[in-house]
Amino acid sequence: NDMCVWTSPSSGIPFAASASSDGTFKLWSVDMRHGIWSCYHVGSYHDGCGGAASVTISPDCARLAVVYGASVTIWRVSSSDKDVCLVEVLMSTQSAKLKEARFLCNGSIVAWCPESGAFVYNRNNSGKLELSWHSPVSVKASMAIHPTQPQFGLIVATEDGSNGVLTFEVESPIPIGFFLMPSTDFQAVMYVPSPEAIRKVRPDAAEGHILVLLDAENGEFTLLGTEN
């Protein structure tokens, strides 16, 4: 169902995690001499809860978030001794079946499902993740995570049946941006560096990013920016 890859901050060795419909998530390491990947851990939560929908690694590569039904399970992972331990379980609503959860750059988590919308989990004063807010938007297909800012974008359905892109910051359920899409039914959205940031036209443009909407059926894509 999903897969993520990261590099150990200490050793530089790549690792991977996968989530499967059989209810398990698997952790993988690679033999750097022969380029062969092998599974070193198989985990599950509550007998699989109908399957593991998504998996994502935290920015510090120390925690793994795996979606099971209405829950986001947080696992502590260690690349040195390959130890895996369940440390937190984040609940959305009892009826929600989450489709995807992703870590943001500040360690917060955003999750969504088509019927119930988006759920944002921020850290409280004690350092624990808790549900901060919920936006009952009708999420269509995909979520984009900003690589350097605690922001994300969602492809959503509007009240008149058309599609749009909403962007949020983790502090508030009030969108910071909206774009009404053409009739094309896009299936994916992602952040990429803006052309100005790549060319370094402006010294302060290094953090600039734009949204790219992808239509897998006809090969079209649309670029969304805030300046032009």
Protein backbone atom coordinates (compact mmCIF):
# COMPACT_ATOMS: atom_id res chain seq x y z
CA ASN A 1 0.00 0.00 0.00
CA ASP A 2 2.80 2.45 0.79
CA MET A 3 6.57 2.74 1.21
CA CYS A 4 9.13 5.23 2.51
CA VAL A 5 12.92 5.32 2.33
CA TRP A 6 15.38 7.17 4.57
CA THR A 7 19.08 7.35 5.34
CA SER A 8 20.52 6.76 8.81
CA PRO A 9 21.85 10.08 10.15
CA SER A 10 24.73 8.28 11.88
CA SER A 11 25.87 5.70 9.32
CA GLY A 12 24.48 7.04 6.04
CA ILE A 13 23.02 3.60 5.26
CA PRO A 14 19.58 3.62 3.61
CA PHE A 15 16.57 1.93 5.21
CA ALA A 16 13.01 1.38 4.01
CA ALA A 17 9.55 0.64 5.43
CA SER A 18 6.50 -0.78 3.66
CA ALA A 19 2.82 -1.08 4.60
CA SER A 20 0.70 -3.97 3.34
CA SER A 21 -2.93 -5.00 2.99
CA ASP A 22 -2.24 -8.10 5.11
CA GLY A 23 -2.00 -5.81 8.16
CA THR A 24 1.78 -5.84 8.54
CA PHE A 25 4.46 -3.22 8.12
CA LYS A 26 7.98 -4.30 7.30
CA LEU A 27 11.37 -2.67 7.87
CA TRP A 28 14.15 -3.26 5.38
CA SER A 29 17.92 -2.81 5.36
CA VAL A 30 20.34 -3.08 2.46
CA ASP A 31 23.64 -4.90 2.08
CA MET A 32 25.82 -2.08 0.75
CA ARG A 33 28.33 -4.52 -0.80
CA HIS A 34 25.82 -6.49 -2.87
CA GLY A 35 22.86 -4.09 -3.08
CA ILE A 36 20.44 -6.68 -1.68
CA TRP A 37 17.52 -5.60 0.50
CA SER A 38 16.33 -7.84 3.33
CA CYS A 39 13.46 -7.57 5.81
CA TYR A 40 14.60 -7.38 9.45
CA HIS A 41 11.30 -6.62 11.20
CA VAL A 42 7.61 -7.43 10.66
CA GLY A 43 5.11 -5.56 12.85
CA SER A 44 1.35 -5.17 13.18
CA TYR A 45 -1.25 -3.53 15.41
CA HIS A 46 -4.44 -5.17 16.73
CA ASP A 47 -4.31 -8.07 14.27
CA GLY A 48 -3.84 -5.74 11.35
CA CYS A 49 -7.13 -3.77 11.64
CA GLY A 50 -7.96 -4.48 8.01
CA GLY A 51 -4.54 -3.57 6.63
CA ALA A 52 -1.78 -1.01 7.04
CA ALA A 53 -2.73 1.94 4.81
CA SER A 54 0.40 4.14 4.88
CA VAL A 55 3.82 4.49 6.44
CA THR A 56 6.04 7.55 6.93
CA ILE A 57 9.32 8.35 8.70
CA SER A 58 9.84 11.34 11.00
CA PRO A 59 12.28 14.13 10.02
CA ASP A 60 14.84 12.87 12.57
CA CYS A 61 14.44 9.27 11.29
CA ALA A 62 13.67 8.08 14.83
CA ARG A 63 9.93 7.41 14.56
CA LEU A 64 7.69 5.62 12.10
CA ALA A 65 3.97 6.39 11.67
CA VAL A 66 1.78 3.55 10.38
CA VAL A 67 -1.96 4.00 9.68
CA TYR A 68 -4.39 1.31 10.87
CA GLY A 69 -8.05 2.15 10.33
CA ALA A 70 -8.88 5.23 12.42
CA SER A 71 -5.52 5.14 14.23
CA VAL A 72 -2.02 6.42 13.52
CA THR A 73 0.48 4.23 15.36
CA ILE A 74 3.88 5.72 16.21
CA TRP A 75 6.86 3.36 16.48
CA ARG A 76 10.33 4.17 17.74
CA VAL A 77 12.96 2.83 15.34
CA SER A 78 16.71 2.61 15.78
CA SER A 79 19.10 2.06 12.91
CA SER A 80 21.92 1.03 15.25
CA ASP A 81 20.32 -1.97 16.97
CA LYS A 82 17.25 -2.28 14.70
CA ASP A 83 14.97 -2.07 17.74
CA VAL A 84 11.26 -1.29 17.10
CA CYS A 85 8.81 -0.28 19.84
CA LEU A 86 5.24 1.10 19.83
CA VAL A 87 5.24 4.44 21.70
CA GLU A 88 2.01 6.29 20.77
CA VAL A 89 -1.41 5.67 19.21
CA LEU A 90 -3.21 8.68 17.75
CA MET A 91 -6.99 8.43 17.25
CA SER A 92 -9.05 10.35 14.69
CA THR A 93 -12.73 9.37 14.94
CA GLN A 94 -14.15 5.92 15.46
CA SER A 95 -15.77 5.91 12.02
CA ALA A 96 -12.87 7.31 10.01
CA LYS A 97 -10.76 5.00 7.91
CA LEU A 98 -7.60 6.98 7.33
CA LYS A 99 -6.07 6.81 3.89
CA GLU A 100 -2.70 8.44 4.56
CA ALA A 101 -0.60 10.05 7.32
CA ARG A 102 2.58 12.06 6.89
CA PHE A 103 5.12 13.72 9.17
CA LEU A 104 5.69 17.44 8.64
CA CYS A 105 9.10 19.06 8.96
CA ASN A 106 8.39 20.17 12.56
CA GLY A 107 7.39 16.67 13.71
CA SER A 108 3.64 17.22 13.52
CA ILE A 109 1.46 14.68 11.70
CA VAL A 110 -1.37 15.23 9.23
CA ALA A 111 -3.73 12.42 8.24
CA TRP A 112 -6.80 12.30 6.00
CA CYS A 113 -9.60 10.11 4.75
CA PRO A 114 -12.09 10.83 1.92
CA GLU A 115 -15.17 10.87 4.17
CA SER A 116 -13.95 12.68 7.29
CA GLY A 117 -11.35 15.15 6.00
CA ALA A 118 -7.99 16.12 7.49
CA PHE A 119 -6.67 15.60 11.04
CA VAL A 120 -3.64 17.46 12.38
CA TYR A 121 -1.67 16.25 15.42
CA ASN A 122 0.70 18.70 17.12
CA ARG A 123 2.89 18.24 20.20
CA ASN A 124 1.54 19.48 23.53
CA ASN A 125 3.58 20.92 26.41
CA SER A 126 4.57 17.44 27.58
CA GLY A 127 5.91 16.50 24.15
CA LYS A 128 3.10 14.10 23.24
CA LEU A 129 1.30 14.27 19.93
CA GLU A 130 -2.42 15.06 20.24
CA LEU A 131 -5.24 15.96 17.87
CA SER A 132 -5.14 19.76 17.45
CA TRP A 133 -7.79 20.31 14.81
CA HIS A 134 -9.95 18.63 12.21
CA SER A 135 -11.12 20.04 8.88
CA PRO A 136 -14.15 18.24 7.35
CA VAL A 137 -13.07 18.83 3.76
CA SER A 138 -13.79 16.24 1.09
CA VAL A 139 -10.30 15.03 0.22
CA LYS A 140 -10.13 13.51 -3.25
CA ALA A 141 -6.85 11.82 -3.99
CA SER A 142 -3.60 13.06 -2.57
CA MET A 143 -1.69 15.14 -0.04
CA ALA A 144 1.50 17.20 -0.46
CA ILE A 145 3.90 17.89 2.42
CA HIS A 146 6.04 21.01 2.27
CA PRO A 147 9.71 19.95 2.69
CA THR A 148 10.88 22.97 4.73
CA GLN A 149 7.75 24.57 6.24
CA PRO A 150 5.01 23.03 8.47
CA GLN A 151 2.49 23.28 5.63
CA PHE A 152 0.58 20.83 3.47
CA GLY A 153 -1.77 20.79 0.49
CA LEU A 154 -4.85 18.67 -0.27
CA ILE A 155 -6.84 17.96 -3.44
CA VAL A 156 -10.45 18.47 -2.35
CA ALA A 157 -13.95 18.46 -3.83
CA THR A 158 -15.88 21.74 -3.64
CA GLU A 159 -19.60 22.10 -2.89
CA ASP A 160 -20.50 22.53 -6.56
CA GLY A 161 -18.75 19.27 -7.49
CA SER A 162 -15.54 20.72 -8.93
CA ASN A 163 -12.06 20.13 -7.56
CA GLY A 164 -9.61 22.45 -5.86
CA VAL A 165 -6.37 22.57 -3.90
CA LEU A 166 -6.33 23.81 -0.30
CA THR A 167 -3.10 24.61 1.54
CA PHE A 168 -2.83 24.76 5.34
CA GLU A 169 -0.40 25.54 8.13
CA VAL A 170 -0.45 23.19 11.11
CA GLU A 171 -1.53 25.90 13.56
CA SER A 172 -5.00 26.49 12.13
CA PRO A 173 -7.81 24.80 10.15
CA ILE A 174 -8.25 28.03 8.16
CA PRO A 175 -6.67 27.50 4.71
CA ILE A 176 -3.81 29.77 3.72
CA GLY A 177 -4.39 29.19 0.01
CA PHE A 178 -6.98 27.89 -2.45
CA PHE A 179 -6.91 27.16 -6.16
CA LEU A 180 -9.97 26.07 -8.16
CA MET A 181 -8.76 23.47 -10.62
CA PRO A 182 -9.89 23.04 -14.22
CA SER A 183 -12.05 20.10 -15.19
CA THR A 184 -9.03 17.80 -15.32
CA ASP A 185 -9.18 15.21 -12.53
CA PHE A 186 -5.70 15.31 -10.98
CA GLN A 187 -4.53 12.26 -9.03
CA ALA A 188 -1.47 13.58 -7.19
CA VAL A 189 0.05 16.77 -5.82
CA MET A 190 3.56 17.57 -4.59
CA TYR A 191 5.82 20.48 -3.61
CA VAL A 192 8.93 21.22 -5.67
CA PRO A 193 11.51 24.05 -5.46
CA SER A 194 10.42 27.16 -7.32
CA PRO A 195 12.41 28.19 -10.43
CA GLU A 196 13.53 31.33 -8.60
CA ALA A 197 14.93 29.22 -5.77
CA ILE A 198 16.75 26.93 -8.19
CA ARG A 199 18.34 29.85 -10.08
CA LYS A 200 18.90 31.74 -6.81
CA VAL A 201 17.70 34.95 -8.42
CA ARG A 202 16.81 36.27 -4.96
CA PRO A 203 18.92 35.55 -1.86
CA ASP A 204 15.80 34.81 0.22
CA ALA A 205 14.25 32.41 -2.28
CA ALA A 206 15.98 29.24 -1.10
CA GLU A 207 12.85 28.15 0.81
CA GLY A 208 10.47 28.92 -2.07
CA HIS A 209 8.36 26.02 -3.33
CA ILE A 210 5.48 25.59 -5.74
CA LEU A 211 2.78 22.94 -6.05
CA VAL A 212 2.68 20.52 -8.97
CA LEU A 213 -0.59 18.78 -9.87
CA LEU A 214 -0.27 15.56 -11.84
CA ASP A 215 -2.83 13.88 -14.10
CA ALA A 216 -1.70 10.31 -14.66
CA GLU A 217 -4.33 9.55 -17.30
CA ASN A 218 -3.37 12.09 -19.96
CA GLY A 219 0.12 13.07 -18.80
CA GLU A 220 -0.74 16.69 -18.04
CA PHE A 221 0.55 18.66 -15.08
CA THR A 222 -0.16 22.11 -13.68
CA LEU A 223 2.20 24.36 -11.70
CA LEU A 224 0.80 26.52 -8.91
CA GLY A 225 2.78 29.44 -7.50
CA THR A 226 2.04 32.45 -5.34
CA GLU A 227 3.91 35.04 -7.44
CA ASN A 228 2.87 34.36 -11.07
